[in-house]
Every structure is written in C-alpha cells, then in structure tokens.
Amino acid sequence: MAEVQNTAAPTTAPAQGTRGGQRGGNNRGPRRDQAPQEPKQFEELVINIDRVSRVVKGGRRFRFKALVVVGDRKNKVGVGVAKGADVQVAVQKATDIAKKNLIVIPIVNETIPHDNEVKYSGARVLLKPAAPGTGIIAGGVVRSIIGVTGIRNLLSKSLNSTNKVNIAYATIEALRGLVPKEEWLGAEKAPKKATAKKAADKEEK
C-alpha cells in the first residue's frame, strides 16, 4: 500500500517586527505632518438631484439635473441649476453657477429687515422676520437656502407649487428684494411686496 504523506505546510508564528506580528512591530517610517486644511469660504449644499431624459435619434438620452445652494453663513447666498452626464458633473456645474450669482442679504439682528413675498413661475414664497430664539420656521427648499445665509430667525411659507427649482428661485428673489432697514426706517411703511414681485416677474422673462 502506498504511503500517504501529509504535505500541509507547517504553521509558524509570524516573525516579530512584521505586519501581523506582535504589537508595535511595524516598521513604518515617521508620519509626515499633514498640512491643515483651509476652511471653505462657502458651504455647498445639494438640494435636489433629478434624472432627466431627452428623446434623440436611436433612443433616449439620460442626464442628471442638480439644484445646489452655496452660502457663507454671513450674508451671501446663491443658487445654481445645471445638467450633466453624471451626478458629479451636474453638481459641479450647478455649484459654479451658484457662486457666480451670489447676492448680499441685509441681515438685522440675525433676521431680515422686513417681510417680503415673491411669485416666481407659479411658486410663491413669503418671508417674515422673527424674534430672537424663534429659529428658522421653513420647510424643504426654503429651509436649505436660509440655513446657509447667516439668518438665524425667520418665518416662511411656500405656496402654489411643489417644483423645487421654482421655489428656490422664488426664495432667492425674495431675499434679493429685501431693502436695508436704514433706507426705509424714516418712511411710514416698509417696502411694498409688489416691488419685489414685479422684479421677480421681470427676471422670469
């Protein structure tokens, strides 16, 4: 009868100083000091991503549409919408557009100086100042935009539309239409809502 030999390799303990051996035994060189990352000037927030299609010769062509808001949490904010072959490209394009269209908001005591209501392509957004400690009372898109502006207290209502892009632009136009308090403080009334609405309608065309 032929003898069956055991060909299994003998088990040996890992050598000291090698990976998987005793603790403290790896021979990695000294860690390089990592340069501290500079704080970003703007906070970027992706509000919505949609997949859109277009019928072309040979079938449908799918792309992505991104809605992005950027703000410095001080008094600047911008919104951008762009399409791309993939999500990353769409987001980058939208971010660049938002940074090119920044507006400056007149903030007074962490809120807005007066109420404002704007209609933009079917979406209507109302913004009202709020007392300290109120927080941001808004939902969805409006809350995302206000959250990167530096405003801490605000009341908001969105009406007539659920289209996120239209609501975003209506919110930006409402913020754009705000007038610094010192410019109307001596007047009998705060700036009229119709002024901001007319400006938004003109922008829409």
Foldseek 3Di string as FASTA:
>chain_A
DDDDDDPDDDDDADDALDPPHDPPRDDDDDDDDDDDDDDDQKDKDWQDKDWDWDADVPGIQIKIKTWMKIARLEFKIFIFIAIDRDDVVNSVVGVVVRVVDIDGFQDDPLWAPAWAWAAAPQKIKIKGTDDPPQAEADDRLLCVRSVRRNRGGIHMDMDGDPPNVRNNLRSVLRRRPGDHCVVCVPPPDHDDNVVSHVVNVVVND
